[in-house]
C-alpha cells in the first residue's frame, strides 16, 4: 500500500525511508498519530551516528548514543510527530 504525499511515495504511515538525494536531511517519514498526518524530515546527510547498539561496542559509541538521548530526551518524548523521535528510533 504505497501512499503519495506532496509528490513523494511512502510505503505507509510511520515507515521511515532514506532520502539520499535530499540536500540536507537523510531520512523522511510520513508520520501519523490519531487523525494528524505530517511529513517529517530528520537526520543530517552524511552524519556519523552511533547506530543501533552492537555487541562489543566501544565506550566512545556508547557515550555518543547516551549524549544524544540526554540532549534530545524532551523532544523524543513528544512522540511520533517530532523529528527527534524518528532520529532516535532510526539513527541512534
N, C-alpha and C. Protein backbone atom coordinates (compact mmCIF):
# COMPACT_ATOMS: atom_id res chain seq x y z
N UNK A 1 0.84 -1.18 0.00
CA UNK A 1 0.00 0.00 0.00
C UNK A 1 0.89 1.25 0.00
N UNK A 2 1.22 1.73 -1.16
CA UNK A 2 2.05 2.93 -1.27
C UNK A 2 1.18 4.18 -1.14
N UNK A 3 1.71 5.16 -0.45
CA UNK A 3 0.99 6.42 -0.24
C UNK A 3 1.81 7.52 -0.89
N UNK A 4 1.16 8.36 -1.69
CA UNK A 4 1.85 9.50 -2.27
C UNK A 4 1.41 10.75 -1.52
N UNK A 5 2.40 11.51 -1.05
CA UNK A 5 2.13 12.71 -0.26
C UNK A 5 3.10 13.79 -0.71
N UNK A 6 2.57 14.89 -1.21
CA UNK A 6 3.38 16.01 -1.70
C UNK A 6 4.44 15.56 -2.72
N UNK A 7 4.04 14.66 -3.60
CA UNK A 7 4.94 14.21 -4.66
C UNK A 7 5.95 13.14 -4.26
N UNK A 8 5.90 12.68 -3.01
CA UNK A 8 6.81 11.64 -2.54
C UNK A 8 6.04 10.38 -2.22
N UNK A 9 6.63 9.23 -2.50
CA UNK A 9 5.98 7.95 -2.22
C UNK A 9 6.53 7.36 -0.93
N UNK A 10 5.62 6.84 -0.12
CA UNK A 10 5.97 6.19 1.14
C UNK A 10 5.32 4.82 1.17
N UNK A 11 5.98 3.87 1.83
CA UNK A 11 5.44 2.51 1.96
C UNK A 11 4.17 2.48 2.80
N UNK A 12 4.04 3.43 3.69
CA UNK A 12 2.89 3.52 4.58
C UNK A 12 3.17 4.57 5.64
N UNK A 13 2.23 4.75 6.53
CA UNK A 13 2.42 5.70 7.62
C UNK A 13 3.42 5.14 8.61
N UNK A 14 4.21 6.02 9.20
CA UNK A 14 5.19 5.67 10.24
C UNK A 14 6.24 4.66 9.75
N UNK A 15 6.57 4.73 8.46
CA UNK A 15 7.61 3.87 7.89
C UNK A 15 8.69 4.76 7.28
N UNK A 16 9.79 5.01 8.03
CA UNK A 16 10.83 5.91 7.55
C UNK A 16 11.54 5.37 6.32
N UNK A 17 12.03 6.29 5.50
CA UNK A 17 12.81 5.90 4.31
C UNK A 17 14.01 6.81 4.18
N UNK A 18 15.04 6.31 3.50
CA UNK A 18 16.24 7.11 3.23
C UNK A 18 15.91 8.12 2.13
N UNK A 19 16.55 9.27 2.18
CA UNK A 19 16.39 10.28 1.13
C UNK A 19 17.78 10.72 0.67
N UNK A 20 18.45 9.88 -0.12
CA UNK A 20 19.84 10.17 -0.49
C UNK A 20 20.01 11.41 -1.36
N UNK A 21 18.97 11.83 -2.08
CA UNK A 21 19.10 12.99 -2.96
C UNK A 21 18.68 14.30 -2.30
N UNK A 22 18.17 14.22 -1.07
CA UNK A 22 17.79 15.45 -0.38
C UNK A 22 19.06 16.20 0.02
N UNK A 23 19.10 17.52 -0.16
CA UNK A 23 20.35 18.26 0.11
C UNK A 23 20.80 18.26 1.58
N UNK A 24 19.86 18.18 2.53
CA UNK A 24 20.26 18.29 3.93
C UNK A 24 19.85 17.11 4.81
N UNK A 25 18.67 16.57 4.61
CA UNK A 25 18.16 15.54 5.52
C UNK A 25 18.32 14.14 4.93
N UNK A 26 18.67 13.18 5.80
CA UNK A 26 18.98 11.83 5.33
C UNK A 26 17.76 10.90 5.29
N UNK A 27 16.71 11.22 6.04
CA UNK A 27 15.53 10.37 6.11
C UNK A 27 14.26 11.21 6.08
N UNK A 28 13.16 10.54 5.72
CA UNK A 28 11.84 11.16 5.76
C UNK A 28 10.84 10.11 6.21
N UNK A 29 9.79 10.56 6.86
CA UNK A 29 8.72 9.66 7.30
C UNK A 29 7.40 10.40 7.21
N UNK A 30 6.38 9.68 6.82
CA UNK A 30 5.03 10.23 6.83
C UNK A 30 4.40 9.77 8.15
N UNK A 31 4.49 10.64 9.14
CA UNK A 31 4.06 10.29 10.50
C UNK A 31 2.56 10.49 10.65
N UNK A 32 1.93 9.56 11.35
CA UNK A 32 0.50 9.66 11.62
C UNK A 32 0.26 9.29 13.07
N UNK A 33 -0.41 10.20 13.76
CA UNK A 33 -0.79 9.96 15.15
C UNK A 33 -2.23 10.44 15.28
N UNK A 34 -3.14 9.52 15.50
CA UNK A 34 -4.56 9.87 15.50
C UNK A 34 -4.98 10.27 14.10
N UNK A 35 -5.59 11.44 13.96
CA UNK A 35 -6.00 11.94 12.65
C UNK A 35 -4.96 12.86 12.02
N UNK A 36 -3.89 13.15 12.75
CA UNK A 36 -2.87 14.09 12.28
C UNK A 36 -1.83 13.37 11.42
N UNK A 37 -1.58 13.90 10.23
CA UNK A 37 -0.56 13.37 9.33
C UNK A 37 0.44 14.48 9.07
N UNK A 38 1.73 14.13 9.14
CA UNK A 38 2.78 15.14 9.00
C UNK A 38 4.00 14.53 8.31
N UNK A 39 4.56 15.24 7.35
CA UNK A 39 5.80 14.82 6.71
C UNK A 39 6.96 15.34 7.56
N UNK A 40 7.80 14.44 8.01
CA UNK A 40 8.92 14.81 8.85
C UNK A 40 10.22 14.38 8.20
N UNK A 41 11.14 15.32 8.06
CA UNK A 41 12.48 15.03 7.57
C UNK A 41 13.42 15.12 8.76
N UNK A 42 14.34 14.17 8.85
CA UNK A 42 15.24 14.16 10.00
C UNK A 42 16.59 13.57 9.63
N UNK A 43 17.57 13.81 10.46
CA UNK A 43 18.91 13.27 10.28
C UNK A 43 19.74 14.09 9.32
N UNK A 44 20.97 14.33 9.69
CA UNK A 44 21.87 15.09 8.84
C UNK A 44 22.45 14.17 7.77
N UNK A 45 22.45 14.65 6.54
CA UNK A 45 23.00 13.89 5.42
C UNK A 45 24.50 13.66 5.66
N UNK A 46 24.92 12.41 5.64
CA UNK A 46 26.33 12.08 5.79
C UNK A 46 26.86 12.07 7.21
N UNK A 47 25.99 12.27 8.21
CA UNK A 47 26.45 12.30 9.60
C UNK A 47 26.81 10.90 10.08
N UNK A 48 27.83 10.81 10.90
CA UNK A 48 28.22 9.53 11.50
C UNK A 48 27.47 9.41 12.83
N UNK A 49 26.49 8.52 12.88
CA UNK A 49 25.75 8.32 14.11
C UNK A 49 26.22 7.04 14.78
N UNK A 50 25.81 6.83 15.99
CA UNK A 50 26.23 5.65 16.72
C UNK A 50 25.55 4.39 16.17
N UNK A 51 24.40 4.53 15.53
CA UNK A 51 23.69 3.36 15.02
C UNK A 51 23.07 2.57 16.14
N UNK A 52 22.57 1.41 15.82
CA UNK A 52 21.95 0.56 16.83
C UNK A 52 23.04 -0.07 17.71
N UNK A 53 22.74 -0.34 18.99
CA UNK A 53 23.74 -0.95 19.87
C UNK A 53 24.25 -2.27 19.30
N UNK A 54 25.55 -2.45 19.33
CA UNK A 54 26.15 -3.66 18.81
C UNK A 54 26.94 -4.36 19.91
N UNK A 55 27.04 -5.66 19.79
CA UNK A 55 27.81 -6.42 20.75
C UNK A 55 29.28 -6.00 20.65
N UNK A 56 29.90 -5.73 21.77
CA UNK A 56 31.30 -5.31 21.78
C UNK A 56 31.49 -3.87 21.33
N UNK A 57 30.45 -3.06 21.48
CA UNK A 57 30.50 -1.66 21.07
C UNK A 57 31.52 -0.88 21.92
N UNK A 58 32.20 0.06 21.30
CA UNK A 58 33.21 0.84 22.02
C UNK A 58 32.54 1.80 23.02
N UNK A 59 33.29 2.17 24.03
CA UNK A 59 32.79 3.10 25.03
C UNK A 59 32.46 4.45 24.39
N UNK A 60 33.24 4.83 23.40
CA UNK A 60 33.01 6.11 22.71
C UNK A 60 31.62 6.13 22.07
N UNK A 61 31.24 5.03 21.41
CA UNK A 61 29.92 4.97 20.76
C UNK A 61 28.80 4.94 21.80
N UNK A 62 29.02 4.25 22.90
CA UNK A 62 28.02 4.21 23.97
C UNK A 62 27.79 5.62 24.52
N UNK A 63 28.87 6.35 24.71
CA UNK A 63 28.77 7.72 25.23
C UNK A 63 28.09 8.63 24.22
N UNK A 64 28.39 8.42 22.95
CA UNK A 64 27.80 9.22 21.88
C UNK A 64 26.28 9.02 21.85
N UNK A 65 25.85 7.77 21.96
CA UNK A 65 24.42 7.46 21.98
C UNK A 65 23.75 8.05 23.21
N UNK A 66 24.36 7.88 24.37
CA UNK A 66 23.80 8.39 25.62
C UNK A 66 23.70 9.91 25.59
N UNK A 67 24.69 10.56 25.01
CA UNK A 67 24.70 12.02 24.91
C UNK A 67 23.55 12.51 24.04
N UNK A 68 23.32 11.84 22.91
CA UNK A 68 22.21 12.21 22.02
C UNK A 68 20.88 12.09 22.76
N UNK A 69 20.69 10.97 23.44
CA UNK A 69 19.42 10.73 24.13
C UNK A 69 19.21 11.73 25.28
N UNK A 70 20.28 12.11 25.95
CA UNK A 70 20.17 13.10 27.03
C UNK A 70 19.84 14.48 26.48
N UNK A 71 20.49 14.82 25.37
CA UNK A 71 20.31 16.14 24.77
C UNK A 71 18.91 16.32 24.19
N UNK A 72 18.37 15.25 23.61
CA UNK A 72 17.09 15.34 22.90
C UNK A 72 15.94 14.62 23.60
N UNK A 73 16.16 14.19 24.83
CA UNK A 73 15.15 13.40 25.55
C UNK A 73 13.78 14.06 25.61
N UNK A 74 13.75 15.36 25.85
CA UNK A 74 12.48 16.09 25.95
C UNK A 74 11.72 16.04 24.63
N UNK A 75 12.45 16.19 23.51
CA UNK A 75 11.80 16.17 22.20
C UNK A 75 11.43 14.76 21.76
N UNK A 76 12.21 13.76 22.17
CA UNK A 76 11.90 12.37 21.84
C UNK A 76 10.57 11.98 22.48
N UNK A 77 10.32 12.47 23.69
CA UNK A 77 9.09 12.15 24.41
C UNK A 77 7.84 12.74 23.77
N UNK A 78 8.01 13.70 22.87
CA UNK A 78 6.86 14.31 22.20
C UNK A 78 6.12 13.33 21.30
N UNK A 79 6.79 12.26 20.92
CA UNK A 79 6.12 11.21 20.16
C UNK A 79 6.38 11.25 18.66
N UNK A 80 5.53 10.55 17.94
CA UNK A 80 5.73 10.31 16.52
C UNK A 80 5.74 11.55 15.64
N UNK A 81 5.24 12.66 16.12
CA UNK A 81 5.19 13.87 15.30
C UNK A 81 6.41 14.77 15.51
N UNK A 82 7.47 14.23 16.12
CA UNK A 82 8.70 15.01 16.29
C UNK A 82 9.85 14.33 15.56
N UNK A 83 10.72 15.13 14.98
CA UNK A 83 11.88 14.61 14.26
C UNK A 83 12.83 13.86 15.20
N UNK A 84 12.95 14.33 16.44
CA UNK A 84 13.84 13.69 17.41
C UNK A 84 13.41 12.26 17.69
N UNK A 85 12.10 12.00 17.75
CA UNK A 85 11.58 10.66 17.97
C UNK A 85 12.09 9.72 16.87
N UNK A 86 11.99 10.17 15.64
CA UNK A 86 12.38 9.32 14.50
C UNK A 86 13.90 9.18 14.41
N UNK A 87 14.63 10.23 14.70
CA UNK A 87 16.09 10.15 14.70
C UNK A 87 16.55 9.15 15.74
N UNK A 88 15.94 9.17 16.91
CA UNK A 88 16.27 8.24 17.98
C UNK A 88 15.97 6.81 17.54
N UNK A 89 14.85 6.60 16.93
CA UNK A 89 14.41 5.26 16.53
C UNK A 89 15.24 4.70 15.37
N UNK A 90 15.54 5.53 14.39
CA UNK A 90 16.20 5.05 13.18
C UNK A 90 17.72 5.16 13.23
N UNK A 91 18.23 6.28 13.69
CA UNK A 91 19.66 6.54 13.60
C UNK A 91 20.45 6.26 14.87
N UNK A 92 19.82 6.26 16.03
CA UNK A 92 20.54 6.10 17.28
C UNK A 92 20.15 4.83 17.98
